[in-house]
């Protein structure tokens, strides 16, 4: 996201800066049909709320990624919020660059950002194998930097997963976070409205509080730990972070005891250092969970045993 029109935000000022940027963007939204200025080349991705296409500017020939959100199912404020959060974080080298153009057509809201022609991280994770360890460590270092930057702005990313990590080369020397629709200011109260997935932290999985749980950066640490496990093994550590999931039940026992004999069977392909790193990021108590930056203490250690067991729910591209 090339240039951000938002000034650097402090932890307390993040919501105010976003509100100001939202107001300015709403007033300057460009109303045009996509075909008037852009030629659609092909689809780059499709999700629950919209899709992304590769386009070129008809006059300049500039390749761009255009995210389109259907107006019929997207509130204007929702669109503007995602765009403005992305724009405010765009200066970081491991966060997707923006062109600073938001449009409204007859059917869509859309914004333009730099295209990642090597797809996303999920596309290179081999089921039950993962990715090469050097590439996993490259990802870890860049994601730590991006997440710490987001956290320094008083925000919680809330959507760490391989699909949201875009690749700019096959070896992961240059990756970037994208998709900020779920990003919220720290302290925002959140209720679990969708189903529990592997990346869902247990404090959200088990919440019965009708008022919601105030979110903090420990949510990102949990999801980051799950992502690292996927990169190193090619499968999820569990299907759901709930006690009735047998894989998660085994993990809870190991977290409580710390004994090597209780290490879940499908974790045995990891080195002791990697297991220690993930045990910190995946602490059951969010107050005891290590920050994302804690992973950097282990990047010079081996993470994977070549003759380890491979058993679990495979990550499918």
Protein backbone atom coordinates (compact mmCIF):
# COMPACT_ATOMS: atom_id res chain seq x y z
CA UNK A 1 0.00 0.00 0.00
CA UNK A 2 2.33 2.58 -1.37
CA UNK A 3 1.52 5.89 0.27
CA UNK A 4 -0.63 6.35 3.32
CA UNK A 5 -2.49 9.59 3.80
CA UNK A 6 -2.81 8.88 7.51
CA UNK A 7 -0.29 10.23 9.97
CA UNK A 8 1.40 7.67 12.21
CA UNK A 9 -1.08 6.70 14.89
CA UNK A 10 -0.34 6.13 18.53
CA UNK A 11 -2.05 3.32 20.41
CA UNK A 12 -4.67 5.70 21.79
CA UNK A 13 -5.10 7.73 18.60
CA UNK A 14 -5.72 4.85 16.16
CA UNK A 15 -9.56 5.09 16.11
CA UNK A 16 -9.44 8.89 15.72
CA UNK A 17 -7.04 8.74 12.79
CA UNK A 18 -9.18 6.09 11.09
CA UNK A 19 -12.34 8.14 11.60
CA UNK A 20 -10.70 11.15 9.98
CA UNK A 21 -9.45 9.09 7.05
CA UNK A 22 -12.88 7.50 6.62
CA UNK A 23 -14.53 10.90 6.39
CA UNK A 24 -12.04 12.19 3.83
CA UNK A 25 -12.27 9.03 1.69
CA UNK A 26 -16.07 9.04 1.70
CA UNK A 27 -15.98 12.55 0.23
CA UNK A 28 -13.43 11.69 -2.47
CA UNK A 29 -14.75 8.29 -3.63
CA UNK A 30 -14.37 8.02 -7.42
CA UNK A 31 -17.59 6.98 -9.17
CA UNK A 32 -16.82 5.08 -12.35
CA UNK A 33 -17.34 1.77 -14.12
CA UNK A 34 -14.33 -0.54 -14.01
CA UNK A 35 -14.21 -1.01 -17.79
CA UNK A 36 -13.90 2.74 -18.39
CA UNK A 37 -10.37 2.94 -16.99
CA UNK A 38 -9.19 -0.65 -16.50
CA UNK A 39 -8.90 -3.80 -18.59
CA UNK A 40 -9.60 -6.97 -16.59
CA UNK A 41 -6.94 -9.61 -17.27
CA UNK A 42 -7.91 -12.48 -14.95
CA UNK A 43 -9.17 -13.33 -11.51
CA UNK A 44 -6.53 -13.52 -8.78
CA UNK A 45 -8.69 -14.75 -5.93
CA UNK A 46 -12.20 -15.07 -4.56
CA UNK A 47 -13.45 -15.03 -0.99
CA UNK A 48 -16.63 -14.94 1.02
CA UNK A 49 -17.12 -11.19 0.72
CA UNK A 50 -15.66 -10.31 -2.68
CA UNK A 51 -13.07 -11.12 -5.32
CA UNK A 52 -9.78 -9.76 -6.64
CA UNK A 53 -8.93 -9.33 -10.33
CA UNK A 54 -5.73 -8.41 -12.14
CA UNK A 55 -6.28 -5.28 -14.23
CA UNK A 56 -4.19 -2.89 -16.29
CA UNK A 57 -4.78 0.84 -16.55
CA UNK A 58 -6.02 1.51 -20.08
CA UNK A 59 -3.87 4.61 -20.58
CA UNK A 60 -0.75 3.86 -18.55
CA UNK A 61 -0.67 0.06 -18.83
CA UNK A 62 0.08 -0.26 -15.12
CA UNK A 63 -0.75 -3.73 -13.72
CA UNK A 64 -2.85 -3.56 -10.55
CA UNK A 65 -4.89 -5.81 -8.29
CA UNK A 66 -8.50 -4.62 -7.93
CA UNK A 67 -10.53 -5.86 -4.98
CA UNK A 68 -14.25 -5.74 -5.71
CA UNK A 69 -16.94 -5.95 -3.02
CA UNK A 70 -20.58 -6.28 -4.18
CA UNK A 71 -22.66 -3.26 -3.16
CA UNK A 72 -25.66 -5.52 -2.68
CA UNK A 73 -23.98 -7.28 0.26
CA UNK A 74 -21.43 -4.68 1.46
CA UNK A 75 -22.16 -1.60 3.53
CA UNK A 76 -20.34 1.53 2.39
CA UNK A 77 -18.84 2.02 5.85
CA UNK A 78 -17.53 -1.59 5.86
CA UNK A 79 -15.80 -1.02 2.54
CA UNK A 80 -14.38 2.36 3.53
CA UNK A 81 -13.12 0.96 6.83
CA UNK A 82 -11.18 -1.87 5.21
CA UNK A 83 -9.73 0.47 2.59
CA UNK A 84 -8.69 3.10 5.14
CA UNK A 85 -7.08 0.59 7.49
CA UNK A 86 -5.10 -0.83 4.58
CA UNK A 87 -4.10 2.65 3.45
CA UNK A 88 -3.00 3.68 6.94
CA UNK A 89 -0.68 0.64 7.21
CA UNK A 90 0.66 0.73 3.65
CA UNK A 91 4.06 2.19 4.46
CA UNK A 92 5.39 -1.07 5.93
CA UNK A 93 7.45 -3.23 3.53
CA UNK A 94 5.67 -6.44 4.57
CA UNK A 95 2.16 -4.99 4.11
CA UNK A 96 0.59 -4.72 0.67
CA UNK A 97 1.12 -1.39 -1.11
CA UNK A 98 -1.90 0.66 -2.16
CA UNK A 99 -2.44 2.95 -5.14
CA UNK A 100 -4.65 5.26 -3.08
CA UNK A 101 -7.63 4.81 -5.43
CA UNK A 102 -11.06 3.80 -4.14
CA UNK A 103 -13.93 3.50 -6.62
CA UNK A 104 -17.67 2.99 -6.65
CA UNK A 105 -19.33 1.46 -9.72
CA UNK A 106 -22.97 0.57 -10.30
CA UNK A 107 -22.45 -2.87 -8.74
CA UNK A 108 -19.24 -2.73 -6.73
CA UNK A 109 -17.04 -0.88 -4.30
CA UNK A 110 -13.38 -1.40 -5.10
CA UNK A 111 -9.82 -0.36 -4.38
CA UNK A 112 -6.49 -0.92 -6.13
CA UNK A 113 -3.27 -2.32 -4.75
CA UNK A 114 -0.05 -3.90 -5.98
CA UNK A 115 -0.52 -7.31 -7.61
CA UNK A 116 1.19 -10.41 -6.20
CA UNK A 117 1.69 -12.66 -9.20
CA UNK A 118 3.10 -15.58 -7.18
CA UNK A 119 -0.25 -16.11 -5.44
CA UNK A 120 -0.42 -16.64 -1.67
CA UNK A 121 1.21 -18.76 1.00
CA UNK A 122 -1.48 -21.45 0.95
CA UNK A 123 -0.59 -22.19 -2.68
CA UNK A 124 2.89 -23.47 -1.78
CA UNK A 125 2.13 -25.40 1.43
CA UNK A 126 2.41 -29.09 0.60
CA UNK A 127 -0.09 -31.22 2.55
CA UNK A 128 1.67 -33.15 5.34
CA UNK A 129 4.98 -31.57 4.35
CA UNK A 130 4.73 -27.76 4.64
CA UNK A 131 7.32 -25.52 3.02
CA UNK A 132 11.15 -25.58 3.18
CA UNK A 133 12.42 -24.49 6.59
CA UNK A 134 14.44 -21.52 5.23
CA UNK A 135 11.27 -20.20 3.57
CA UNK A 136 9.29 -20.70 6.79
CA UNK A 137 11.85 -18.62 8.68
CA UNK A 138 11.76 -15.90 5.99
CA UNK A 139 7.98 -15.77 6.45
CA UNK A 140 8.26 -15.67 10.22
CA UNK A 141 10.66 -12.72 10.25
CA UNK A 142 8.59 -10.63 7.84
CA UNK A 143 5.27 -11.45 9.49
CA UNK A 144 6.64 -10.55 12.92
CA UNK A 145 7.71 -7.18 11.54
CA UNK A 146 4.32 -6.55 9.90
CA UNK A 147 2.29 -7.62 12.94
CA UNK A 148 4.41 -5.60 15.36
CA UNK A 149 3.87 -2.57 13.10
CA UNK A 150 0.10 -3.14 13.13
CA UNK A 151 0.15 -3.54 16.90
CA UNK A 152 2.17 -0.33 17.30
CA UNK A 153 -0.73 1.48 15.64
CA UNK A 154 -3.11 0.28 18.33
CA UNK A 155 -4.68 -2.33 16.05
CA UNK A 156 -5.20 -6.10 16.16
CA UNK A 157 -5.00 -7.75 12.71
CA UNK A 158 -7.27 -10.71 13.56
CA UNK A 159 -6.87 -12.60 10.28
CA UNK A 160 -3.46 -14.30 10.30
CA UNK A 161 -3.67 -17.22 7.86
CA UNK A 162 -1.75 -18.38 4.77
CA UNK A 163 -4.41 -17.10 2.37
CA UNK A 164 -3.70 -13.54 3.54
CA UNK A 165 0.06 -13.73 2.99
CA UNK A 166 0.87 -12.76 -0.61
CA UNK A 167 4.05 -13.97 -2.31
CA UNK A 168 6.35 -11.90 -4.49
CA UNK A 169 8.79 -14.74 -5.12
CA UNK A 170 8.56 -18.54 -4.69
CA UNK A 171 11.16 -18.67 -1.89
CA UNK A 172 9.26 -16.24 0.39
CA UNK A 173 12.08 -13.70 0.42
CA UNK A 174 9.40 -11.04 -0.06
CA UNK A 175 5.91 -11.54 1.32
CA UNK A 176 3.15 -9.13 2.28
CA UNK A 177 0.07 -9.18 4.48
CA UNK A 178 -3.24 -8.27 2.88
CA UNK A 179 -6.96 -8.15 3.73
CA UNK A 180 -7.73 -5.86 6.68
CA UNK A 181 -11.50 -6.29 6.85
CA UNK A 182 -11.33 -7.87 10.33
CA UNK A 183 -8.69 -5.52 11.78
CA UNK A 184 -9.97 -3.61 14.81
CA UNK A 185 -8.57 -1.24 17.46
CA UNK A 186 -7.20 -2.99 20.53
CA UNK A 187 -9.86 -3.21 23.24
CA UNK A 188 -12.77 -3.61 20.82
CA UNK A 189 -15.24 -6.10 22.27
CA UNK A 190 -15.67 -9.11 20.03
CA UNK A 191 -18.21 -11.91 20.04
CA UNK A 192 -17.63 -15.15 18.17
CA UNK A 193 -20.27 -15.08 15.43
CA UNK A 194 -18.83 -17.69 13.06
CA UNK A 195 -17.68 -21.24 13.70
CA UNK A 196 -14.46 -22.14 15.50
CA UNK A 197 -11.53 -22.71 13.11
CA UNK A 198 -7.92 -23.78 13.86
CA UNK A 199 -6.81 -20.12 14.08
CA UNK A 200 -9.48 -19.18 16.66
CA UNK A 201 -7.92 -18.52 20.06
CA UNK A 202 -9.49 -20.56 22.92
CA UNK A 203 -10.67 -17.46 24.80
CA UNK A 204 -12.94 -16.76 21.82
CA UNK A 205 -13.83 -20.40 21.17
CA UNK A 206 -15.22 -20.81 24.68
CA UNK A 207 -16.68 -17.36 25.24
CA UNK A 208 -20.18 -17.21 26.65
CA UNK A 209 -20.02 -13.49 27.40
CA UNK A 210 -22.87 -11.78 25.57
CA UNK A 211 -20.95 -8.49 25.76
CA UNK A 212 -17.95 -9.95 23.96
CA UNK A 213 -14.25 -10.21 24.82
CA UNK A 214 -11.96 -7.15 24.58
CA UNK A 215 -9.43 -8.07 21.90
CA UNK A 216 -5.69 -7.64 22.15
CA UNK A 217 -2.53 -8.64 20.31
CA UNK A 218 -2.50 -12.10 21.92
CA UNK A 219 -5.14 -13.13 19.34
CA UNK A 220 -2.62 -12.50 16.56
CA UNK A 221 0.08 -14.39 18.47
CA UNK A 222 -2.17 -17.45 18.66
CA UNK A 223 -3.04 -17.42 14.94
CA UNK A 224 0.62 -16.77 14.08
CA UNK A 225 1.60 -19.87 16.05
CA UNK A 226 -0.95 -21.97 14.17
CA UNK A 227 0.34 -20.60 10.86
CA UNK A 228 3.95 -21.47 11.74
CA UNK A 229 2.88 -25.00 12.65
CA UNK A 230 1.19 -25.32 9.24
CA UNK A 231 4.31 -24.07 7.45
CA UNK A 232 6.50 -26.63 9.22
CA UNK A 233 4.19 -29.65 8.97
CA UNK A 234 1.64 -29.10 6.19
CA UNK A 235 -1.30 -29.75 8.48
CA UNK A 236 -3.28 -28.01 11.18
CA UNK A 237 -2.45 -28.77 14.83
CA UNK A 238 -6.20 -29.29 15.40
CA UNK A 239 -9.48 -28.71 13.60
CA UNK A 240 -11.01 -26.65 16.43
CA UNK A 241 -9.52 -25.08 19.55
CA UNK A 242 -12.10 -26.81 21.73
CA UNK A 243 -11.64 -29.55 24.36
CA UNK A 244 -13.80 -32.01 22.39
CA UNK A 245 -11.26 -31.94 19.54
CA UNK A 246 -8.92 -34.89 20.37
CA UNK A 247 -5.87 -33.15 18.85
CA UNK A 248 -6.54 -30.01 20.89
CA UNK A 249 -7.18 -32.10 24.00
CA UNK A 250 -3.73 -33.68 23.59
CA UNK A 251 -2.22 -30.24 23.14
CA UNK A 252 -3.93 -28.94 26.31
CA UNK A 253 -2.40 -31.79 28.32
CA UNK A 254 1.08 -30.99 27.01
CA UNK A 255 0.60 -27.27 27.68
CA UNK A 256 -0.38 -28.01 31.26
CA UNK A 257 2.47 -30.42 32.01
CA UNK A 258 5.26 -29.35 29.63
CA UNK A 259 6.50 -32.93 29.71
CA UNK A 260 8.15 -34.31 26.59
CA UNK A 261 6.27 -37.58 27.07
CA UNK A 262 3.01 -35.64 26.65
CA UNK A 263 4.07 -33.97 23.40
CA UNK A 264 1.27 -34.75 20.90
CA UNK A 265 2.25 -37.40 18.37
CA UNK A 266 1.84 -35.09 15.36
CA UNK A 267 4.22 -32.52 16.93
CA UNK A 268 7.13 -34.94 17.02
CA UNK A 269 8.57 -33.75 13.70
CA UNK A 270 9.45 -30.43 15.39
CA UNK A 271 12.68 -29.75 17.26
CA UNK A 272 12.63 -28.93 20.97
CA UNK A 273 13.33 -25.27 20.09
CA UNK A 274 10.41 -25.08 17.64
CA UNK A 275 8.10 -26.76 20.14
CA UNK A 276 9.16 -24.26 22.81
CA UNK A 277 8.51 -21.34 20.42
CA UNK A 278 5.04 -22.61 19.57
CA UNK A 279 4.23 -23.47 23.18
CA UNK A 280 4.77 -19.79 24.03
CA UNK A 281 2.76 -18.41 21.09
CA UNK A 282 -0.02 -20.91 21.79
CA UNK A 283 -0.28 -20.51 25.55
CA UNK A 284 -3.86 -21.30 26.57
CA UNK A 285 -4.01 -18.31 28.90
CA UNK A 286 -3.79 -15.14 26.77
CA UNK A 287 -2.13 -13.29 29.66
CA UNK A 288 0.76 -15.78 29.50
CA UNK A 289 0.96 -15.95 25.71
CA UNK A 290 4.23 -14.76 24.24
CA UNK A 291 4.23 -11.85 21.75
CA UNK A 292 4.73 -12.51 18.04
CA UNK A 293 8.26 -11.11 18.31
CA UNK A 294 9.23 -13.99 20.57
CA UNK A 295 9.60 -16.17 17.47
CA UNK A 296 12.71 -14.21 16.46
CA UNK A 297 14.63 -15.74 19.38
CA UNK A 298 14.42 -19.10 17.61
CA UNK A 299 15.13 -18.31 13.94
CA UNK A 300 18.77 -19.39 14.25
CA UNK A 301 17.75 -22.76 15.70
CA UNK A 302 16.63 -25.78 13.66
CA UNK A 303 12.84 -26.12 13.59
CA UNK A 304 12.14 -29.41 11.87
CA UNK A 305 13.27 -33.00 12.38
CA UNK A 306 13.52 -34.84 9.10
CA UNK A 307 12.35 -38.19 10.46
CA UNK A 308 9.40 -36.91 12.50
CA UNK A 309 5.87 -38.29 12.44
CA UNK A 310 3.36 -36.83 9.99
CA UNK A 311 -0.20 -37.17 11.26
CA UNK A 312 -3.01 -34.65 11.39
CA UNK A 313 -5.47 -32.66 9.31
CA UNK A 314 -3.68 -31.67 6.12
CA UNK A 315 -3.66 -28.06 4.99
CA UNK A 316 -5.30 -28.00 1.56
CA UNK A 317 -4.51 -25.21 -0.94
